N, C-alpha and C. Protein backbone atom coordinates (compact mmCIF):
# COMPACT_ATOMS: atom_id res chain seq x y z
N MET A 1 -5.34 20.37 4.26
CA MET A 1 -5.00 21.10 3.04
C MET A 1 -4.97 22.58 3.36
N ASP A 2 -3.94 23.27 2.89
CA ASP A 2 -3.76 24.71 3.11
C ASP A 2 -3.59 25.35 1.74
N GLN A 3 -4.58 26.11 1.30
CA GLN A 3 -4.58 26.70 -0.04
C GLN A 3 -4.49 28.21 0.05
N ARG A 4 -3.53 28.78 -0.65
CA ARG A 4 -3.37 30.23 -0.75
C ARG A 4 -3.50 30.63 -2.21
N GLY A 5 -4.29 31.65 -2.47
CA GLY A 5 -4.51 32.11 -3.84
C GLY A 5 -4.93 33.56 -3.86
N ARG A 6 -5.39 33.99 -5.00
CA ARG A 6 -5.76 35.39 -5.18
C ARG A 6 -6.94 35.80 -4.30
N GLU A 7 -7.76 34.83 -3.92
CA GLU A 7 -8.92 35.14 -3.09
C GLU A 7 -8.66 34.93 -1.61
N GLY A 8 -7.41 34.69 -1.23
CA GLY A 8 -7.08 34.53 0.17
C GLY A 8 -6.63 33.13 0.51
N ARG A 9 -6.80 32.78 1.77
CA ARG A 9 -6.29 31.51 2.30
C ARG A 9 -7.44 30.66 2.81
N ILE A 10 -7.37 29.36 2.50
CA ILE A 10 -8.35 28.40 2.97
C ILE A 10 -7.61 27.21 3.57
N ARG A 11 -7.99 26.84 4.80
CA ARG A 11 -7.39 25.67 5.45
C ARG A 11 -8.50 24.74 5.89
N GLY A 12 -8.23 23.44 5.85
CA GLY A 12 -9.25 22.51 6.32
C GLY A 12 -8.82 21.07 6.13
N THR A 13 -9.65 20.18 6.64
CA THR A 13 -9.43 18.74 6.50
C THR A 13 -10.21 18.22 5.31
N VAL A 14 -9.56 17.40 4.49
CA VAL A 14 -10.17 16.90 3.26
C VAL A 14 -10.01 15.38 3.22
N PHE A 15 -11.11 14.68 2.96
CA PHE A 15 -11.04 13.26 2.61
C PHE A 15 -10.81 13.18 1.11
N MET A 16 -9.80 12.44 0.70
CA MET A 16 -9.38 12.45 -0.69
C MET A 16 -9.31 11.02 -1.24
N PHE A 17 -9.93 10.81 -2.40
CA PHE A 17 -9.77 9.58 -3.16
C PHE A 17 -9.11 9.95 -4.48
N VAL A 18 -8.02 9.27 -4.82
CA VAL A 18 -7.30 9.56 -6.06
C VAL A 18 -7.01 8.24 -6.75
N GLN A 19 -7.41 8.14 -8.01
CA GLN A 19 -7.17 6.92 -8.79
C GLN A 19 -6.57 7.30 -10.13
N LEU A 20 -5.39 6.78 -10.41
CA LEU A 20 -4.75 7.04 -11.70
C LEU A 20 -5.56 6.42 -12.82
N PRO A 21 -5.67 7.06 -13.99
CA PRO A 21 -4.89 8.26 -14.33
C PRO A 21 -5.58 9.60 -14.01
N ASP A 22 -6.91 9.65 -13.82
CA ASP A 22 -7.57 10.96 -13.81
C ASP A 22 -8.84 11.03 -12.97
N ARG A 23 -8.99 10.16 -11.98
CA ARG A 23 -10.20 10.18 -11.16
C ARG A 23 -9.87 10.72 -9.76
N VAL A 24 -10.71 11.67 -9.30
CA VAL A 24 -10.48 12.27 -7.99
C VAL A 24 -11.81 12.54 -7.29
N ARG A 25 -11.74 12.58 -5.98
CA ARG A 25 -12.85 13.03 -5.16
C ARG A 25 -12.27 13.71 -3.93
N PHE A 26 -12.75 14.92 -3.63
CA PHE A 26 -12.35 15.66 -2.45
C PHE A 26 -13.60 16.02 -1.65
N ASP A 27 -13.63 15.62 -0.40
CA ASP A 27 -14.71 16.01 0.52
C ASP A 27 -14.11 16.94 1.56
N ALA A 28 -14.41 18.24 1.46
CA ALA A 28 -13.93 19.21 2.44
C ALA A 28 -14.82 19.15 3.67
N MET A 29 -14.23 18.81 4.81
CA MET A 29 -15.01 18.47 5.99
C MET A 29 -15.07 19.60 7.02
N THR A 30 -16.17 19.63 7.77
CA THR A 30 -16.31 20.43 8.97
C THR A 30 -16.70 19.48 10.10
N GLN A 31 -16.86 20.00 11.30
CA GLN A 31 -17.27 19.15 12.41
C GLN A 31 -18.70 18.65 12.26
N PHE A 32 -19.45 19.25 11.33
CA PHE A 32 -20.84 18.86 11.11
C PHE A 32 -21.02 18.00 9.86
N GLY A 33 -19.93 17.73 9.13
CA GLY A 33 -20.04 16.97 7.89
C GLY A 33 -19.38 17.71 6.75
N PRO A 34 -19.55 17.23 5.49
CA PRO A 34 -18.90 17.88 4.35
C PRO A 34 -19.49 19.27 4.06
N ALA A 35 -18.59 20.20 3.77
CA ALA A 35 -19.00 21.54 3.35
C ALA A 35 -18.98 21.67 1.84
N ALA A 36 -18.17 20.84 1.18
CA ALA A 36 -18.07 20.88 -0.27
C ALA A 36 -17.55 19.54 -0.75
N ILE A 37 -18.01 19.12 -1.94
CA ILE A 37 -17.59 17.85 -2.53
C ILE A 37 -17.23 18.09 -3.98
N LEU A 38 -16.03 17.70 -4.36
CA LEU A 38 -15.58 17.82 -5.75
C LEU A 38 -15.31 16.43 -6.29
N THR A 39 -15.82 16.13 -7.48
CA THR A 39 -15.59 14.82 -8.10
C THR A 39 -15.24 14.99 -9.57
N SER A 40 -14.46 14.05 -10.07
CA SER A 40 -14.19 13.94 -11.50
C SER A 40 -13.92 12.49 -11.84
N ASP A 41 -14.61 11.99 -12.85
CA ASP A 41 -14.35 10.63 -13.32
C ASP A 41 -13.44 10.63 -14.54
N GLY A 42 -12.76 11.76 -14.78
CA GLY A 42 -11.87 11.90 -15.91
C GLY A 42 -12.50 12.65 -17.06
N GLY A 43 -13.82 12.58 -17.18
CA GLY A 43 -14.51 13.29 -18.25
C GLY A 43 -15.47 14.34 -17.74
N SER A 44 -16.20 14.01 -16.68
CA SER A 44 -17.20 14.93 -16.12
C SER A 44 -16.74 15.42 -14.75
N PHE A 45 -17.01 16.68 -14.52
CA PHE A 45 -16.54 17.39 -13.34
C PHE A 45 -17.75 17.94 -12.59
N ALA A 46 -17.76 17.79 -11.26
CA ALA A 46 -18.87 18.31 -10.47
C ALA A 46 -18.35 18.84 -9.14
N PHE A 47 -18.96 19.94 -8.69
CA PHE A 47 -18.57 20.55 -7.42
C PHE A 47 -19.82 21.00 -6.70
N ALA A 48 -20.06 20.43 -5.54
CA ALA A 48 -21.21 20.80 -4.72
C ALA A 48 -20.73 21.68 -3.57
N ASP A 49 -21.14 22.96 -3.59
CA ASP A 49 -20.85 23.89 -2.50
C ASP A 49 -22.06 23.88 -1.58
N LEU A 50 -22.00 23.08 -0.52
CA LEU A 50 -23.15 22.86 0.33
C LEU A 50 -23.42 24.04 1.26
N ARG A 51 -22.47 24.91 1.42
CA ARG A 51 -22.69 26.11 2.24
C ARG A 51 -23.52 27.14 1.48
N LYS A 52 -23.25 27.25 0.17
CA LYS A 52 -23.98 28.23 -0.66
C LYS A 52 -25.13 27.60 -1.43
N ASN A 53 -25.32 26.28 -1.26
CA ASN A 53 -26.39 25.56 -1.94
C ASN A 53 -26.28 25.71 -3.45
N ARG A 54 -25.05 25.52 -3.97
CA ARG A 54 -24.78 25.62 -5.40
C ARG A 54 -24.11 24.33 -5.87
N PHE A 55 -24.41 23.95 -7.11
CA PHE A 55 -23.84 22.75 -7.72
C PHE A 55 -23.32 23.14 -9.09
N TYR A 56 -22.01 22.98 -9.29
CA TYR A 56 -21.37 23.33 -10.55
C TYR A 56 -20.96 22.04 -11.26
N CYS A 57 -21.16 22.01 -12.57
CA CYS A 57 -20.80 20.81 -13.32
C CYS A 57 -20.33 21.20 -14.71
N GLY A 58 -19.61 20.29 -15.35
CA GLY A 58 -19.09 20.55 -16.69
C GLY A 58 -18.03 19.53 -17.03
N PRO A 59 -17.34 19.73 -18.14
CA PRO A 59 -16.26 18.81 -18.51
C PRO A 59 -15.04 19.00 -17.61
N THR A 60 -14.28 17.93 -17.41
CA THR A 60 -13.03 18.02 -16.66
C THR A 60 -11.96 18.64 -17.55
N CYS A 61 -11.47 19.80 -17.16
CA CYS A 61 -10.45 20.50 -17.95
C CYS A 61 -9.68 21.41 -17.01
N PRO A 62 -8.50 21.89 -17.42
CA PRO A 62 -7.71 22.75 -16.55
C PRO A 62 -8.46 23.99 -16.08
N THR A 63 -9.33 24.55 -16.93
CA THR A 63 -10.08 25.74 -16.54
C THR A 63 -10.97 25.47 -15.34
N ASN A 64 -11.71 24.37 -15.38
CA ASN A 64 -12.62 24.07 -14.28
C ASN A 64 -11.86 23.63 -13.03
N ILE A 65 -10.74 22.93 -13.20
CA ILE A 65 -9.93 22.58 -12.04
C ILE A 65 -9.39 23.83 -11.37
N GLU A 66 -9.00 24.82 -12.17
CA GLU A 66 -8.50 26.07 -11.61
C GLU A 66 -9.61 26.82 -10.87
N ARG A 67 -10.80 26.82 -11.43
CA ARG A 67 -11.91 27.54 -10.80
C ARG A 67 -12.14 27.10 -9.36
N LEU A 68 -11.94 25.81 -9.12
CA LEU A 68 -12.35 25.27 -7.84
C LEU A 68 -11.20 24.79 -6.96
N LEU A 69 -10.03 24.50 -7.56
CA LEU A 69 -8.87 24.10 -6.76
C LEU A 69 -7.77 25.16 -6.77
N GLY A 70 -7.86 26.11 -7.69
CA GLY A 70 -6.83 27.12 -7.80
C GLY A 70 -5.61 26.68 -8.56
N LEU A 71 -5.67 25.51 -9.19
CA LEU A 71 -4.54 24.97 -9.95
C LEU A 71 -4.97 24.75 -11.39
N ARG A 72 -4.25 25.32 -12.33
CA ARG A 72 -4.56 25.14 -13.76
C ARG A 72 -3.76 23.96 -14.28
N LEU A 73 -4.29 22.76 -14.01
CA LEU A 73 -3.63 21.50 -14.40
C LEU A 73 -4.66 20.57 -15.01
N SER A 74 -4.19 19.65 -15.83
CA SER A 74 -5.07 18.61 -16.33
C SER A 74 -5.39 17.65 -15.19
N ALA A 75 -6.44 16.85 -15.37
CA ALA A 75 -6.79 15.86 -14.35
C ALA A 75 -5.66 14.85 -14.18
N GLU A 76 -5.03 14.47 -15.28
CA GLU A 76 -3.94 13.50 -15.22
C GLU A 76 -2.76 14.04 -14.41
N ASP A 77 -2.41 15.31 -14.66
CA ASP A 77 -1.30 15.90 -13.92
C ASP A 77 -1.65 16.08 -12.44
N THR A 78 -2.89 16.45 -12.16
CA THR A 78 -3.32 16.64 -10.77
C THR A 78 -3.18 15.35 -9.98
N THR A 79 -3.69 14.25 -10.51
CA THR A 79 -3.61 12.98 -9.79
C THR A 79 -2.16 12.53 -9.65
N ALA A 80 -1.37 12.67 -10.71
CA ALA A 80 0.03 12.24 -10.65
C ALA A 80 0.80 13.02 -9.59
N LEU A 81 0.63 14.33 -9.56
CA LEU A 81 1.37 15.15 -8.61
C LEU A 81 0.94 14.88 -7.17
N LEU A 82 -0.33 14.66 -6.94
CA LEU A 82 -0.80 14.39 -5.58
C LEU A 82 -0.27 13.05 -5.06
N LEU A 83 -0.01 12.11 -5.96
CA LEU A 83 0.47 10.79 -5.55
C LEU A 83 1.99 10.68 -5.59
N GLY A 84 2.67 11.82 -5.75
CA GLY A 84 4.13 11.79 -5.68
C GLY A 84 4.82 11.37 -6.95
N ASN A 85 4.15 11.55 -8.09
CA ASN A 85 4.75 11.24 -9.38
C ASN A 85 5.20 12.52 -10.08
N ALA A 86 5.98 12.37 -11.13
CA ALA A 86 6.49 13.52 -11.88
C ALA A 86 6.04 13.40 -13.33
N PRO A 87 4.87 13.97 -13.68
CA PRO A 87 4.43 13.90 -15.08
C PRO A 87 5.42 14.61 -15.99
N VAL A 88 5.73 13.99 -17.12
CA VAL A 88 6.66 14.58 -18.08
C VAL A 88 6.01 14.58 -19.45
N LEU A 89 6.47 15.49 -20.28
CA LEU A 89 6.01 15.55 -21.66
C LEU A 89 6.79 14.53 -22.48
N SER A 90 6.40 14.36 -23.72
CA SER A 90 7.07 13.38 -24.58
C SER A 90 8.17 14.04 -25.39
N GLU A 91 9.05 13.21 -25.90
CA GLU A 91 10.11 13.62 -26.83
C GLU A 91 10.97 14.74 -26.26
N ALA A 92 11.58 14.46 -25.11
CA ALA A 92 12.44 15.44 -24.48
C ALA A 92 13.90 15.06 -24.65
N GLU A 93 14.75 16.07 -24.70
CA GLU A 93 16.20 15.86 -24.66
C GLU A 93 16.61 15.84 -23.20
N ALA A 94 17.16 14.72 -22.73
CA ALA A 94 17.39 14.54 -21.30
C ALA A 94 18.88 14.52 -20.97
N SER A 95 19.20 15.07 -19.79
CA SER A 95 20.56 14.98 -19.26
C SER A 95 20.45 14.80 -17.75
N LEU A 96 21.44 14.12 -17.17
CA LEU A 96 21.44 13.83 -15.74
C LEU A 96 22.75 14.29 -15.13
N GLN A 97 22.65 14.93 -13.97
CA GLN A 97 23.85 15.39 -13.28
C GLN A 97 23.68 15.22 -11.78
N CYS A 98 24.81 15.23 -11.07
CA CYS A 98 24.80 15.22 -9.61
C CYS A 98 24.99 16.65 -9.12
N THR A 99 24.16 17.10 -8.22
CA THR A 99 24.25 18.46 -7.71
C THR A 99 25.22 18.52 -6.53
N ASP A 100 25.58 19.75 -6.15
CA ASP A 100 26.51 19.93 -5.04
C ASP A 100 25.92 19.48 -3.70
N ASP A 101 24.59 19.46 -3.60
CA ASP A 101 23.97 19.04 -2.35
C ASP A 101 23.57 17.58 -2.34
N GLY A 102 24.16 16.77 -3.24
CA GLY A 102 24.01 15.33 -3.19
C GLY A 102 22.75 14.78 -3.81
N LEU A 103 22.16 15.49 -4.77
CA LEU A 103 20.96 15.03 -5.45
C LEU A 103 21.29 14.63 -6.89
N TYR A 104 20.44 13.82 -7.47
CA TYR A 104 20.44 13.62 -8.91
C TYR A 104 19.45 14.62 -9.51
N ARG A 105 19.87 15.33 -10.55
CA ARG A 105 18.96 16.28 -11.21
C ARG A 105 18.80 15.88 -12.68
N LEU A 106 17.58 15.56 -13.04
CA LEU A 106 17.25 15.23 -14.42
C LEU A 106 16.74 16.49 -15.10
N ASP A 107 17.39 16.87 -16.19
CA ASP A 107 17.02 18.07 -16.94
C ASP A 107 16.41 17.64 -18.27
N LEU A 108 15.16 18.01 -18.50
CA LEU A 108 14.45 17.66 -19.72
C LEU A 108 14.18 18.93 -20.52
N ARG A 109 14.55 18.92 -21.78
CA ARG A 109 14.34 20.07 -22.65
C ARG A 109 13.44 19.65 -23.82
N TYR A 110 12.39 20.44 -24.02
CA TYR A 110 11.38 20.11 -25.02
C TYR A 110 11.52 21.01 -26.25
N ALA A 111 10.99 20.53 -27.37
CA ALA A 111 11.15 21.23 -28.64
C ALA A 111 10.50 22.61 -28.63
N ASP A 112 9.45 22.80 -27.82
CA ASP A 112 8.77 24.10 -27.80
C ASP A 112 9.44 25.10 -26.87
N GLY A 113 10.59 24.76 -26.30
CA GLY A 113 11.33 25.69 -25.46
C GLY A 113 11.11 25.50 -23.97
N ARG A 114 10.14 24.70 -23.60
CA ARG A 114 9.93 24.44 -22.18
C ARG A 114 11.04 23.53 -21.64
N ARG A 115 11.23 23.62 -20.33
CA ARG A 115 12.26 22.82 -19.67
C ARG A 115 11.72 22.31 -18.35
N GLN A 116 12.13 21.12 -17.96
CA GLN A 116 11.68 20.54 -16.70
C GLN A 116 12.87 20.04 -15.90
N GLU A 117 12.86 20.35 -14.62
CA GLU A 117 13.89 19.86 -13.70
C GLU A 117 13.25 18.90 -12.72
N ILE A 118 13.89 17.75 -12.52
CA ILE A 118 13.41 16.76 -11.57
C ILE A 118 14.56 16.40 -10.63
N ASP A 119 14.36 16.66 -9.33
CA ASP A 119 15.37 16.36 -8.32
C ASP A 119 15.02 15.06 -7.61
N LEU A 120 16.00 14.17 -7.53
CA LEU A 120 15.83 12.87 -6.86
C LEU A 120 16.82 12.77 -5.72
N GLY A 121 16.32 12.50 -4.53
CA GLY A 121 17.17 12.32 -3.37
C GLY A 121 17.50 10.86 -3.15
N ILE A 122 18.64 10.59 -2.51
CA ILE A 122 19.09 9.23 -2.23
C ILE A 122 18.74 8.88 -0.79
N HIS A 123 18.18 7.70 -0.58
CA HIS A 123 17.90 7.25 0.78
C HIS A 123 19.19 7.29 1.58
N PRO A 124 19.17 7.85 2.80
CA PRO A 124 20.42 7.99 3.58
C PRO A 124 21.20 6.69 3.73
N ALA A 125 20.51 5.57 3.81
CA ALA A 125 21.20 4.30 3.99
C ALA A 125 21.91 3.83 2.73
N ASP A 126 21.63 4.48 1.59
CA ASP A 126 22.17 4.03 0.31
C ASP A 126 23.22 4.97 -0.26
N LEU A 127 23.70 5.93 0.53
CA LEU A 127 24.63 6.92 0.01
C LEU A 127 25.92 6.28 -0.49
N GLY A 128 26.34 5.19 0.13
CA GLY A 128 27.58 4.54 -0.29
C GLY A 128 27.37 3.38 -1.24
N ALA A 129 26.14 3.14 -1.63
CA ALA A 129 25.84 1.99 -2.50
C ALA A 129 26.05 2.36 -3.96
N PRO A 130 26.28 1.37 -4.84
CA PRO A 130 26.36 1.66 -6.28
C PRO A 130 25.06 2.30 -6.77
N PRO A 131 25.12 3.18 -7.77
CA PRO A 131 23.92 3.88 -8.24
C PRO A 131 22.75 2.95 -8.56
N ALA A 132 23.03 1.78 -9.14
CA ALA A 132 21.95 0.88 -9.53
C ALA A 132 21.22 0.30 -8.32
N GLU A 133 21.85 0.37 -7.14
CA GLU A 133 21.24 -0.20 -5.93
C GLU A 133 20.67 0.86 -5.00
N GLN A 134 20.77 2.12 -5.38
CA GLN A 134 20.28 3.20 -4.53
C GLN A 134 18.76 3.36 -4.66
N ARG A 135 18.11 3.60 -3.52
CA ARG A 135 16.69 3.92 -3.51
C ARG A 135 16.53 5.43 -3.63
N LEU A 136 15.79 5.86 -4.65
CA LEU A 136 15.64 7.28 -4.94
C LEU A 136 14.23 7.75 -4.59
N ARG A 137 14.13 9.00 -4.15
CA ARG A 137 12.84 9.59 -3.83
C ARG A 137 12.71 10.94 -4.51
N LEU A 138 11.55 11.16 -5.10
CA LEU A 138 11.28 12.42 -5.79
C LEU A 138 11.15 13.55 -4.77
N LEU A 139 11.95 14.59 -4.95
CA LEU A 139 11.91 15.75 -4.06
C LEU A 139 11.32 16.98 -4.72
N ARG A 140 11.53 17.13 -6.01
CA ARG A 140 11.02 18.31 -6.71
C ARG A 140 10.85 18.01 -8.18
N SER A 141 9.77 18.53 -8.76
CA SER A 141 9.57 18.52 -10.21
C SER A 141 9.06 19.90 -10.58
N GLU A 142 9.72 20.54 -11.52
CA GLU A 142 9.36 21.92 -11.87
C GLU A 142 9.38 22.09 -13.38
N LEU A 143 8.29 22.62 -13.92
CA LEU A 143 8.17 22.88 -15.35
C LEU A 143 8.31 24.38 -15.59
N LEU A 144 9.24 24.75 -16.48
CA LEU A 144 9.50 26.15 -16.78
C LEU A 144 9.17 26.45 -18.24
N GLY A 145 8.69 27.66 -18.49
CA GLY A 145 8.36 28.08 -19.84
C GLY A 145 9.59 28.44 -20.64
N PRO A 146 9.41 28.78 -21.92
CA PRO A 146 10.56 29.11 -22.78
C PRO A 146 11.40 30.27 -22.25
N ARG A 147 10.79 31.18 -21.48
CA ARG A 147 11.53 32.31 -20.93
C ARG A 147 12.06 32.05 -19.53
N GLY A 148 11.92 30.82 -19.07
CA GLY A 148 12.49 30.45 -17.78
C GLY A 148 11.58 30.67 -16.59
N LYS A 149 10.34 31.10 -16.82
CA LYS A 149 9.42 31.31 -15.71
C LYS A 149 8.71 30.00 -15.35
N THR A 150 8.48 29.81 -14.05
CA THR A 150 7.88 28.58 -13.57
C THR A 150 6.41 28.48 -13.98
N ILE A 151 6.05 27.37 -14.62
CA ILE A 151 4.64 27.09 -14.93
C ILE A 151 4.00 26.39 -13.74
N TRP A 152 4.63 25.37 -13.22
CA TRP A 152 4.23 24.76 -11.95
C TRP A 152 5.45 24.13 -11.29
N ARG A 153 5.33 24.02 -9.96
CA ARG A 153 6.40 23.41 -9.17
C ARG A 153 5.76 22.49 -8.13
N ALA A 154 6.27 21.28 -8.02
CA ALA A 154 5.81 20.33 -7.02
C ALA A 154 7.00 19.91 -6.17
N THR A 155 6.85 19.99 -4.85
CA THR A 155 7.91 19.55 -3.95
C THR A 155 7.33 18.54 -2.96
N TYR A 156 8.18 17.60 -2.53
CA TYR A 156 7.73 16.46 -1.72
C TYR A 156 8.64 16.30 -0.52
N ASP A 157 8.03 15.94 0.62
CA ASP A 157 8.80 15.79 1.85
C ASP A 157 8.08 14.79 2.76
N ASP A 158 8.72 14.47 3.88
CA ASP A 158 8.16 13.60 4.91
C ASP A 158 7.73 12.26 4.34
N TYR A 159 8.66 11.58 3.69
CA TYR A 159 8.36 10.25 3.14
C TYR A 159 8.18 9.24 4.27
N GLN A 160 7.13 8.44 4.15
CA GLN A 160 6.86 7.35 5.08
C GLN A 160 6.49 6.11 4.27
N VAL A 161 6.79 4.95 4.81
CA VAL A 161 6.50 3.70 4.13
C VAL A 161 5.07 3.26 4.47
N ILE A 162 4.26 3.04 3.44
CA ILE A 162 2.90 2.56 3.62
C ILE A 162 2.78 1.18 2.99
N ARG A 163 1.80 0.41 3.45
CA ARG A 163 1.59 -0.93 2.91
C ARG A 163 0.87 -0.83 1.59
N ALA A 164 1.34 -1.58 0.59
CA ALA A 164 0.70 -1.68 -0.72
C ALA A 164 0.76 -3.13 -1.13
N GLY A 165 -0.29 -3.88 -0.80
CA GLY A 165 -0.27 -5.31 -1.05
C GLY A 165 0.67 -6.00 -0.08
N ALA A 166 1.57 -6.82 -0.61
CA ALA A 166 2.49 -7.56 0.24
C ALA A 166 3.78 -6.79 0.52
N SER A 167 3.92 -5.61 -0.04
CA SER A 167 5.17 -4.85 0.11
C SER A 167 4.88 -3.46 0.66
N GLY A 168 5.96 -2.73 0.91
CA GLY A 168 5.84 -1.36 1.38
C GLY A 168 6.28 -0.38 0.30
N VAL A 169 5.68 0.80 0.30
CA VAL A 169 5.98 1.83 -0.69
C VAL A 169 6.25 3.13 0.04
N ALA A 170 7.32 3.83 -0.33
CA ALA A 170 7.61 5.14 0.25
C ALA A 170 6.68 6.18 -0.37
N PHE A 171 5.96 6.89 0.48
CA PHE A 171 4.96 7.86 0.01
C PHE A 171 5.21 9.20 0.70
N PRO A 172 5.17 10.32 -0.06
CA PRO A 172 5.39 11.63 0.55
C PRO A 172 4.15 12.11 1.30
N PHE A 173 4.28 12.32 2.60
CA PHE A 173 3.14 12.78 3.39
C PHE A 173 3.02 14.31 3.38
N GLU A 174 3.91 14.98 2.69
CA GLU A 174 3.78 16.43 2.48
C GLU A 174 4.00 16.74 1.01
N VAL A 175 3.00 17.32 0.38
CA VAL A 175 3.04 17.66 -1.04
C VAL A 175 2.69 19.14 -1.18
N ARG A 176 3.52 19.87 -1.90
CA ARG A 176 3.25 21.30 -2.13
C ARG A 176 3.22 21.55 -3.64
N LEU A 177 2.13 22.14 -4.11
CA LEU A 177 1.95 22.45 -5.52
C LEU A 177 1.83 23.96 -5.68
N GLU A 178 2.69 24.54 -6.54
CA GLU A 178 2.72 25.99 -6.72
C GLU A 178 2.60 26.35 -8.20
N GLN A 179 1.86 27.41 -8.47
CA GLN A 179 1.81 28.03 -9.79
C GLN A 179 1.94 29.54 -9.58
N PRO A 180 3.19 30.04 -9.55
CA PRO A 180 3.42 31.45 -9.20
C PRO A 180 2.67 32.45 -10.08
N TYR A 181 2.52 32.16 -11.37
CA TYR A 181 1.87 33.13 -12.24
C TYR A 181 0.37 33.26 -11.94
N LEU A 182 -0.20 32.29 -11.24
CA LEU A 182 -1.59 32.37 -10.79
C LEU A 182 -1.69 32.81 -9.33
N GLY A 183 -0.55 32.94 -8.65
CA GLY A 183 -0.57 33.24 -7.24
C GLY A 183 -1.10 32.09 -6.41
N SER A 184 -0.95 30.85 -6.90
CA SER A 184 -1.53 29.68 -6.26
C SER A 184 -0.47 28.86 -5.54
N ASP A 185 -0.80 28.47 -4.30
CA ASP A 185 0.11 27.69 -3.48
C ASP A 185 -0.74 26.75 -2.63
N VAL A 186 -0.66 25.45 -2.89
CA VAL A 186 -1.47 24.47 -2.19
C VAL A 186 -0.54 23.50 -1.46
N LEU A 187 -0.72 23.38 -0.15
CA LEU A 187 0.07 22.48 0.68
C LEU A 187 -0.85 21.39 1.22
N VAL A 188 -0.47 20.13 0.96
CA VAL A 188 -1.24 18.98 1.44
C VAL A 188 -0.38 18.21 2.43
N ARG A 189 -0.89 18.03 3.65
CA ARG A 189 -0.21 17.19 4.64
C ARG A 189 -1.12 15.99 4.92
N PHE A 190 -0.68 14.82 4.50
CA PHE A 190 -1.48 13.62 4.69
C PHE A 190 -1.38 13.14 6.14
N LYS A 191 -2.51 12.80 6.71
CA LYS A 191 -2.53 12.21 8.06
C LYS A 191 -2.53 10.69 7.99
N GLU A 192 -3.22 10.14 7.01
CA GLU A 192 -3.31 8.70 6.86
C GLU A 192 -3.51 8.37 5.39
N VAL A 193 -2.83 7.34 4.91
CA VAL A 193 -2.91 6.95 3.51
C VAL A 193 -3.17 5.45 3.42
N ASP A 194 -4.15 5.09 2.60
CA ASP A 194 -4.46 3.68 2.35
C ASP A 194 -4.21 3.42 0.87
N ALA A 195 -3.30 2.53 0.54
CA ALA A 195 -2.94 2.27 -0.86
C ALA A 195 -3.80 1.14 -1.42
N ASN A 196 -4.25 1.33 -2.65
CA ASN A 196 -5.00 0.33 -3.41
C ASN A 196 -6.27 -0.16 -2.72
N PRO A 197 -7.09 0.74 -2.17
CA PRO A 197 -8.37 0.30 -1.61
C PRO A 197 -9.35 -0.02 -2.74
N GLN A 198 -10.39 -0.74 -2.41
CA GLN A 198 -11.45 -1.01 -3.38
C GLN A 198 -12.41 0.18 -3.38
N ILE A 199 -12.43 0.91 -4.50
CA ILE A 199 -13.26 2.10 -4.60
C ILE A 199 -14.27 1.90 -5.72
N PRO A 200 -15.57 1.94 -5.43
CA PRO A 200 -16.57 1.79 -6.49
C PRO A 200 -16.54 2.98 -7.44
N PRO A 201 -16.80 2.78 -8.74
CA PRO A 201 -16.78 3.89 -9.71
C PRO A 201 -17.71 5.04 -9.33
N SER A 202 -18.79 4.74 -8.62
CA SER A 202 -19.74 5.79 -8.24
C SER A 202 -19.12 6.83 -7.30
N THR A 203 -17.95 6.51 -6.71
CA THR A 203 -17.28 7.46 -5.82
C THR A 203 -16.91 8.74 -6.55
N PHE A 204 -16.64 8.64 -7.85
CA PHE A 204 -16.09 9.77 -8.60
C PHE A 204 -17.14 10.54 -9.40
N VAL A 205 -18.40 10.29 -9.14
CA VAL A 205 -19.49 11.04 -9.77
C VAL A 205 -20.48 11.45 -8.68
N GLN A 206 -21.22 12.52 -8.94
CA GLN A 206 -22.26 12.95 -8.01
C GLN A 206 -23.36 13.66 -8.77
N GLN A 207 -24.55 13.60 -8.23
CA GLN A 207 -25.72 14.25 -8.79
C GLN A 207 -26.16 15.38 -7.86
N PRO A 208 -26.74 16.44 -8.40
CA PRO A 208 -27.18 17.54 -7.53
C PRO A 208 -28.29 17.10 -6.58
N ARG A 209 -28.21 17.57 -5.37
CA ARG A 209 -29.25 17.27 -4.39
C ARG A 209 -30.52 18.06 -4.73
N ALA A 210 -31.62 17.57 -4.21
CA ALA A 210 -32.90 18.24 -4.45
C ALA A 210 -32.87 19.66 -3.89
N GLY A 211 -33.29 20.62 -4.71
CA GLY A 211 -33.38 22.00 -4.26
C GLY A 211 -32.12 22.82 -4.41
N ILE A 212 -31.03 22.20 -4.85
CA ILE A 212 -29.78 22.93 -5.00
C ILE A 212 -29.73 23.61 -6.36
N GLN A 213 -29.13 24.79 -6.43
CA GLN A 213 -29.03 25.55 -7.68
C GLN A 213 -27.89 25.00 -8.53
N VAL A 214 -28.19 24.67 -9.79
CA VAL A 214 -27.22 24.05 -10.69
C VAL A 214 -26.70 25.06 -11.69
N GLU A 215 -25.39 25.06 -11.91
CA GLU A 215 -24.77 25.95 -12.91
C GLU A 215 -23.74 25.16 -13.70
N GLU A 216 -23.80 25.24 -15.02
CA GLU A 216 -22.83 24.56 -15.86
C GLU A 216 -21.62 25.46 -16.10
N LEU A 217 -20.43 24.85 -16.06
CA LEU A 217 -19.19 25.57 -16.24
C LEU A 217 -18.51 25.09 -17.50
N PRO A 218 -18.51 25.86 -18.57
CA PRO A 218 -17.81 25.43 -19.79
C PRO A 218 -16.32 25.62 -19.65
N CYS A 219 -15.55 24.93 -20.46
CA CYS A 219 -14.11 25.13 -20.50
C CYS A 219 -13.81 26.39 -21.29
N GLY A 220 -12.70 27.00 -20.99
CA GLY A 220 -12.33 28.23 -21.67
C GLY A 220 -11.62 29.13 -20.70
N VAL A 221 -11.67 30.42 -20.93
CA VAL A 221 -11.01 31.38 -20.07
C VAL A 221 -11.82 31.55 -18.79
N PRO A 222 -11.21 31.35 -17.60
CA PRO A 222 -11.97 31.47 -16.35
C PRO A 222 -12.36 32.90 -16.06
């Protein structure tokens, strides 16, 4: 994971568990073990900074996700984007067009003035196939505000087929999440992906270790 934000740049290896719709766990690793652990079970949020001996906890909300990941997103949107999905709002006016560079572009317009663009690429082997038989891959999803400024942008690359049960699933091994108005840019390059593993619920919660300083983080303005 390579994270750039207002406080500088952070790079490192992360063990990641993601379960739809809103459960996550990130273990930021060093050669000596985890340096930080972030968990959310969808309702409760916890972050153990083992280098500073601090433990932060509170409700799962965009404010707390931004404090520790640099991304102001809901838990649902965070998990969806990391797994190569395109979260959309409800009740949108939709239109579809073919771009000059051979993509399908879905344009969604919402009543509050926001707009979303979703770019879908065609598998090279299916370029000559009828549209209903083409295999499509998500390349970009971008949400723009009423004035046309980007709220967030997700781009996907390096698709590889992974096993998921008895079949294979195309999964993006490179995910980039950007929020320009926050100065946030997070690049995730997956080394190995295991689909549908058995994960106990306790994976997504954690308790403060003995002697660690605990601080509660309320939702609101960071």
